[in-house]
Amino acid sequence: MRGIQRLFHNHQSNPRDMDQPLRIVIAKPGLDGHDRGAKVVARALRDAGHEVIYTGLRRTPEQIIETVRDEDAVLLGLSSLSGAHGHLFPRICETLREHNMGDVIVFGGGIIPEDDWPPLFEAGVRALFGPGTTSEEMVEFIATAVKRDDAGVGHGAGWHWNPSA
């Protein structure tokens, strides 16, 4: 068993039960050297009761995938302020699928123009958060995503977070 199924099996709980803390990796792929936002997100999710692993700066997609695997994370949050999201986010989603980790739920944040969102959603990113996003919205996304059977990166381009829906 992997990811969400294993986590909740080990706790003898239901994956739709948000009473158990989720393991979430927050990562900074590429050469982006700005991590204040990623640290704020990590703190907010930790304050919401989740186990958060922050990878630090300048991680390769392979290093991020290894961390997700080694930490048995259910969710992966990617942060980009450098403009490399269009290349790095899809590559990370593809690599997760190649490593049979399609149940991992991927979300992203940073300075990402709305015109860039559709290809990221098609790659398997399930939510994108920009400046001004509240921690409550991220927590609501997580609660919604873990209840869905089609939120993992391996489930194609179907569902993605729409807070107004």
C-alpha atoms as a PDB file:
ATOM      1  CA  MET A   1       0.000   0.000   0.000  1.00  0.00           C
ATOM      2  CA  ARG A   2       1.167   3.549  -0.695  1.00  0.00           C
ATOM      3  CA  GLY A   3       0.432   7.027   0.413  1.00  0.00           C
ATOM      4  CA  ILE A   4      -3.018   7.754   1.678  1.00  0.00           C
ATOM      5  CA  GLN A   5      -4.153   4.116   1.781  1.00  0.00           C
ATOM      6  CA  ARG A   6      -1.159   3.005   3.844  1.00  0.00           C
ATOM      7  CA  LEU A   7      -1.321   5.994   6.176  1.00  0.00           C
ATOM      8  CA  PHE A   8      -4.897   5.375   7.102  1.00  0.00           C
ATOM      9  CA  HIS A   9      -4.558   1.591   7.121  1.00  0.00           C
ATOM     10  CA  ASN A  10      -1.778   1.931   9.691  1.00  0.00           C
ATOM     11  CA  HIS A  11      -3.986   4.171  11.801  1.00  0.00           C
ATOM     12  CA  GLN A  12      -6.974   1.870  11.220  1.00  0.00           C
ATOM     13  CA  SER A  13      -8.970   4.806  10.025  1.00  0.00           C
ATOM     14  CA  ASN A  14     -10.804   5.887   6.936  1.00  0.00           C
ATOM     15  CA  PRO A  15      -8.922   8.055   4.405  1.00  0.00           C
ATOM     16  CA  ARG A  16     -11.923  10.348   4.397  1.00  0.00           C
ATOM     17  CA  ASP A  17     -11.494  10.987   8.152  1.00  0.00           C
ATOM     18  CA  MET A  18      -9.638  14.265   8.700  1.00  0.00           C
ATOM     19  CA  ASP A  19      -9.184  13.524  12.417  1.00  0.00           C
ATOM     20  CA  GLN A  20      -5.804  11.953  11.657  1.00  0.00           C
ATOM     21  CA  PRO A  21      -2.911  14.236  10.708  1.00  0.00           C
ATOM     22  CA  LEU A  22      -1.836  13.975   7.085  1.00  0.00           C
ATOM     23  CA  ARG A  23       1.809  13.859   5.988  1.00  0.00           C
ATOM     24  CA  ILE A  24       2.468  16.765   3.624  1.00  0.00           C
ATOM     25  CA  VAL A  25       5.736  17.589   1.860  1.00  0.00           C
ATOM     26  CA  ILE A  26       6.341  21.232   0.955  1.00  0.00           C
ATOM     27  CA  ALA A  27       9.060  21.618  -1.686  1.00  0.00           C
ATOM     28  CA  LYS A  28      10.922  24.325  -3.586  1.00  0.00           C
ATOM     29  CA  PRO A  29      11.912  22.860  -6.963  1.00  0.00           C
ATOM     30  CA  GLY A  30      14.556  24.402  -9.168  1.00  0.00           C
ATOM     31  CA  LEU A  31      16.802  27.361  -8.543  1.00  0.00           C
ATOM     32  CA  ASP A  32      14.223  29.569  -6.833  1.00  0.00           C
ATOM     33  CA  GLY A  33      15.849  30.979  -3.706  1.00  0.00           C
ATOM     34  CA  HIS A  34      12.810  32.561  -2.056  1.00  0.00           C
ATOM     35  CA  ASP A  35      11.133  30.392   0.556  1.00  0.00           C
ATOM     36  CA  ARG A  36       9.220  32.706   2.892  1.00  0.00           C
ATOM     37  CA  GLY A  37       5.866  31.728   1.351  1.00  0.00           C
ATOM     38  CA  ALA A  38       6.670  28.007   1.494  1.00  0.00           C
ATOM     39  CA  LYS A  39       7.589  28.343   5.161  1.00  0.00           C
ATOM     40  CA  VAL A  40       4.368  30.245   5.892  1.00  0.00           C
ATOM     41  CA  VAL A  41       2.350  27.473   4.195  1.00  0.00           C
ATOM     42  CA  ALA A  42       4.268  24.785   6.083  1.00  0.00           C
ATOM     43  CA  ARG A  43       3.585  26.534   9.395  1.00  0.00           C
ATOM     44  CA  ALA A  44      -0.107  27.052   8.591  1.00  0.00           C
ATOM     45  CA  LEU A  45      -0.607  23.386   7.689  1.00  0.00           C
ATOM     46  CA  ARG A  46       1.300  22.304  10.789  1.00  0.00           C
ATOM     47  CA  ASP A  47      -0.886  24.611  12.894  1.00  0.00           C
ATOM     48  CA  ALA A  48      -3.911  22.930  11.268  1.00  0.00           C
ATOM     49  CA  GLY A  49      -2.705  19.633  12.753  1.00  0.00           C
ATOM     50  CA  HIS A  50      -0.821  18.049   9.865  1.00  0.00           C
ATOM     51  CA  GLU A  51       2.683  16.597   9.774  1.00  0.00           C
ATOM     52  CA  VAL A  52       4.663  18.825   7.410  1.00  0.00           C
ATOM     53  CA  ILE A  53       8.074  18.084   5.936  1.00  0.00           C
ATOM     54  CA  TYR A  54       9.820  21.055   4.310  1.00  0.00           C
ATOM     55  CA  THR A  55      12.534  20.045   1.840  1.00  0.00           C
ATOM     56  CA  GLY A  56      14.440  23.310   1.783  1.00  0.00           C
ATOM     57  CA  LEU A  57      15.575  25.276  -1.242  1.00  0.00           C
ATOM     58  CA  ARG A  58      16.745  24.255  -4.697  1.00  0.00           C
ATOM     59  CA  ARG A  59      15.559  20.651  -4.860  1.00  0.00           C
ATOM     60  CA  THR A  60      15.536  18.589  -8.016  1.00  0.00           C
ATOM     61  CA  PRO A  61      12.359  16.766  -9.033  1.00  0.00           C
ATOM     62  CA  GLU A  62      14.110  13.492  -8.159  1.00  0.00           C
ATOM     63  CA  GLN A  63      14.985  14.715  -4.649  1.00  0.00           C
ATOM     64  CA  ILE A  64      11.402  15.843  -4.108  1.00  0.00           C
ATOM     65  CA  ILE A  65      10.008  12.477  -5.242  1.00  0.00           C
ATOM     66  CA  GLU A  66      12.433  10.657  -2.928  1.00  0.00           C
ATOM     67  CA  THR A  67      11.275  12.781   0.001  1.00  0.00           C
ATOM     68  CA  VAL A  68       7.601  12.137  -0.774  1.00  0.00           C
ATOM     69  CA  ARG A  69       8.315   8.397  -0.989  1.00  0.00           C
ATOM     70  CA  ASP A  70      10.552   8.233   2.086  1.00  0.00           C
ATOM     71  CA  GLU A  71       8.133  10.270   4.188  1.00  0.00           C
ATOM     72  CA  ASP A  72       5.102   8.369   2.847  1.00  0.00           C
ATOM     73  CA  ALA A  73       3.405  11.696   2.174  1.00  0.00           C
ATOM     74  CA  VAL A  74      -0.193  11.983   1.047  1.00  0.00           C
ATOM     75  CA  LEU A  75       0.149  15.501  -0.366  1.00  0.00           C
ATOM     76  CA  LEU A  76       2.908  17.443  -2.088  1.00  0.00           C
ATOM     77  CA  GLY A  77       2.922  21.230  -2.127  1.00  0.00           C
ATOM     78  CA  LEU A  78       5.206  22.902  -4.667  1.00  0.00           C
ATOM     79  CA  SER A  79       6.251  26.543  -4.490  1.00  0.00           C
ATOM     80  CA  SER A  80       7.580  28.586  -7.380  1.00  0.00           C
ATOM     81  CA  LEU A  81       8.433  32.239  -7.662  1.00  0.00           C
ATOM     82  CA  SER A  82      11.005  31.898 -10.430  1.00  0.00           C
ATOM     83  CA  GLY A  83       8.741  31.239 -13.412  1.00  0.00           C
ATOM     84  CA  ALA A  84       9.908  27.620 -13.789  1.00  0.00           C
ATOM     85  CA  HIS A  85       6.542  26.193 -12.696  1.00  0.00           C
ATOM     86  CA  GLY A  86       5.559  25.474 -16.321  1.00  0.00           C
ATOM     87  CA  HIS A  87       8.426  23.005 -16.653  1.00  0.00           C
ATOM     88  CA  LEU A  88       9.045  21.755 -13.110  1.00  0.00           C
ATOM     89  CA  PHE A  89       5.500  21.119 -11.839  1.00  0.00           C
ATOM     90  CA  PRO A  90       4.514  18.881 -14.798  1.00  0.00           C
ATOM     91  CA  ARG A  91       7.861  17.063 -14.604  1.00  0.00           C
ATOM     92  CA  ILE A  92       7.310  16.312 -10.921  1.00  0.00           C
ATOM     93  CA  CYS A  93       3.753  15.087 -11.619  1.00  0.00           C
ATOM     94  CA  GLU A  94       5.029  12.849 -14.409  1.00  0.00           C
ATOM     95  CA  THR A  95       7.818  11.477 -12.230  1.00  0.00           C
ATOM     96  CA  LEU A  96       5.336  10.664  -9.454  1.00  0.00           C
ATOM     97  CA  ARG A  97       3.290   8.640 -11.945  1.00  0.00           C
ATOM     98  CA  GLU A  98       6.424   6.900 -13.293  1.00  0.00           C
ATOM     99  CA  HIS A  99       7.273   5.823  -9.737  1.00  0.00           C
ATOM    100  CA  ASN A 100       3.753   4.412  -9.128  1.00  0.00           C
ATOM    101  CA  MET A 101       2.926   7.244  -6.761  1.00  0.00           C
ATOM    102  CA  GLY A 102      -0.229   8.354  -8.543  1.00  0.00           C
ATOM    103  CA  ASP A 103      -2.199   8.586  -5.304  1.00  0.00           C
ATOM    104  CA  VAL A 104      -0.174  11.622  -4.142  1.00  0.00           C
ATOM    105  CA  ILE A 105      -2.185  14.850  -4.323  1.00  0.00           C
ATOM    106  CA  VAL A 106      -0.146  17.750  -5.755  1.00  0.00           C
ATOM    107  CA  PHE A 107      -0.866  21.422  -5.187  1.00  0.00           C
ATOM    108  CA  GLY A 108       1.169  24.505  -5.978  1.00  0.00           C
ATOM    109  CA  GLY A 109       1.648  28.097  -5.062  1.00  0.00           C
ATOM    110  CA  GLY A 110       3.641  31.195  -5.719  1.00  0.00           C
ATOM    111  CA  ILE A 111       3.626  33.716  -8.521  1.00  0.00           C
ATOM    112  CA  ILE A 112       1.861  31.738 -11.228  1.00  0.00           C
ATOM    113  CA  PRO A 113      -0.095  33.684 -13.869  1.00  0.00           C
ATOM    114  CA  GLU A 114      -3.657  32.437 -14.339  1.00  0.00           C
ATOM    115  CA  ASP A 115      -2.912  31.813 -18.036  1.00  0.00           C
ATOM    116  CA  ASP A 116      -0.454  29.120 -16.880  1.00  0.00           C
ATOM    117  CA  TRP A 117      -3.003  27.286 -14.726  1.00  0.00           C
ATOM    118  CA  PRO A 118      -4.760  25.077 -17.350  1.00  0.00           C
ATOM    119  CA  PRO A 119      -1.604  23.171 -18.431  1.00  0.00           C
ATOM    120  CA  LEU A 120      -0.648  22.670 -14.780  1.00  0.00           C
ATOM    121  CA  PHE A 121      -4.094  21.247 -14.024  1.00  0.00           C
ATOM    122  CA  GLU A 122      -3.758  18.995 -17.085  1.00  0.00           C
ATOM    123  CA  ALA A 123      -0.418  17.754 -15.717  1.00  0.00           C
ATOM    124  CA  GLY A 124      -2.105  16.670 -12.478  1.00  0.00           C
ATOM    125  CA  VAL A 125      -1.742  19.663 -10.157  1.00  0.00           C
ATOM    126  CA  ARG A 126      -5.023  19.825  -8.214  1.00  0.00           C
ATOM    127  CA  ALA A 127      -4.880  23.359  -6.796  1.00  0.00           C
ATOM    128  CA  LEU A 128      -2.928  26.573  -7.278  1.00  0.00           C
ATOM    129  CA  PHE A 129      -2.692  29.243  -4.619  1.00  0.00           C
ATOM    130  CA  GLY A 130      -1.332  32.731  -5.093  1.00  0.00           C
ATOM    131  CA  PRO A 131      -0.461  35.641  -2.836  1.00  0.00           C
ATOM    132  CA  GLY A 132      -3.249  36.445  -0.419  1.00  0.00           C
ATOM    133  CA  THR A 133      -4.611  32.904  -0.202  1.00  0.00           C
ATOM    134  CA  THR A 134      -5.796  32.188   3.316  1.00  0.00           C
ATOM    135  CA  SER A 135      -4.641  29.190   5.287  1.00  0.00           C
ATOM    136  CA  GLU A 136      -8.319  28.320   5.721  1.00  0.00           C
ATOM    137  CA  GLU A 137      -8.694  27.924   1.949  1.00  0.00           C
ATOM    138  CA  MET A 138      -5.676  25.593   1.776  1.00  0.00           C
ATOM    139  CA  VAL A 139      -7.003  23.520   4.664  1.00  0.00           C
ATOM    140  CA  GLU A 140     -10.428  23.368   2.962  1.00  0.00           C
ATOM    141  CA  PHE A 141      -8.746  22.194  -0.264  1.00  0.00           C
ATOM    142  CA  ILE A 142      -6.917  19.442   1.612  1.00  0.00           C
ATOM    143  CA  ALA A 143     -10.079  18.309   3.396  1.00  0.00           C
ATOM    144  CA  THR A 144     -11.919  18.184   0.058  1.00  0.00           C
ATOM    145  CA  ALA A 145      -9.104  16.527  -1.906  1.00  0.00           C
ATOM    146  CA  VAL A 146      -8.486  13.653   0.515  1.00  0.00           C
ATOM    147  CA  LYS A 147     -12.175  12.724   0.367  1.00  0.00           C
ATOM    148  CA  ARG A 148     -12.017  12.284  -3.406  1.00  0.00           C
ATOM    149  CA  ASP A 149     -11.010   9.122  -5.240  1.00  0.00           C
ATOM    150  CA  ASP A 150      -9.775  11.124  -8.242  1.00  0.00           C
ATOM    151  CA  ALA A 151      -7.512  13.721  -6.598  1.00  0.00           C
ATOM    152  CA  GLY A 152      -4.192  11.891  -6.934  1.00  0.00           C
ATOM    153  CA  VAL A 153      -1.783  12.924  -9.667  1.00  0.00           C
ATOM    154  CA  GLY A 154      -2.329   9.574 -11.379  1.00  0.00           C
ATOM    155  CA  HIS A 155      -5.996  10.244 -12.125  1.00  0.00           C
ATOM    156  CA  GLY A 156      -5.525  12.434 -15.172  1.00  0.00           C
ATOM    157  CA  ALA A 157      -6.627  15.987 -15.704  1.00  0.00           C
ATOM    158  CA  GLY A 158     -10.147  15.667 -14.297  1.00  0.00           C
ATOM    159  CA  TRP A 159     -10.891  17.376 -11.005  1.00  0.00           C
ATOM    160  CA  HIS A 160      -9.113  20.427  -9.664  1.00  0.00           C
ATOM    161  CA  TRP A 161      -9.886  22.768  -6.780  1.00  0.00           C
ATOM    162  CA  ASN A 162     -12.362  25.538  -7.449  1.00  0.00           C
ATOM    163  CA  PRO A 163     -13.161  27.336  -4.202  1.00  0.00           C
ATOM    164  CA  SER A 164     -16.295  28.925  -5.650  1.00  0.00           C
ATOM    165  CA  ALA A 165     -17.778  25.582  -6.750  1.00  0.00           C
END
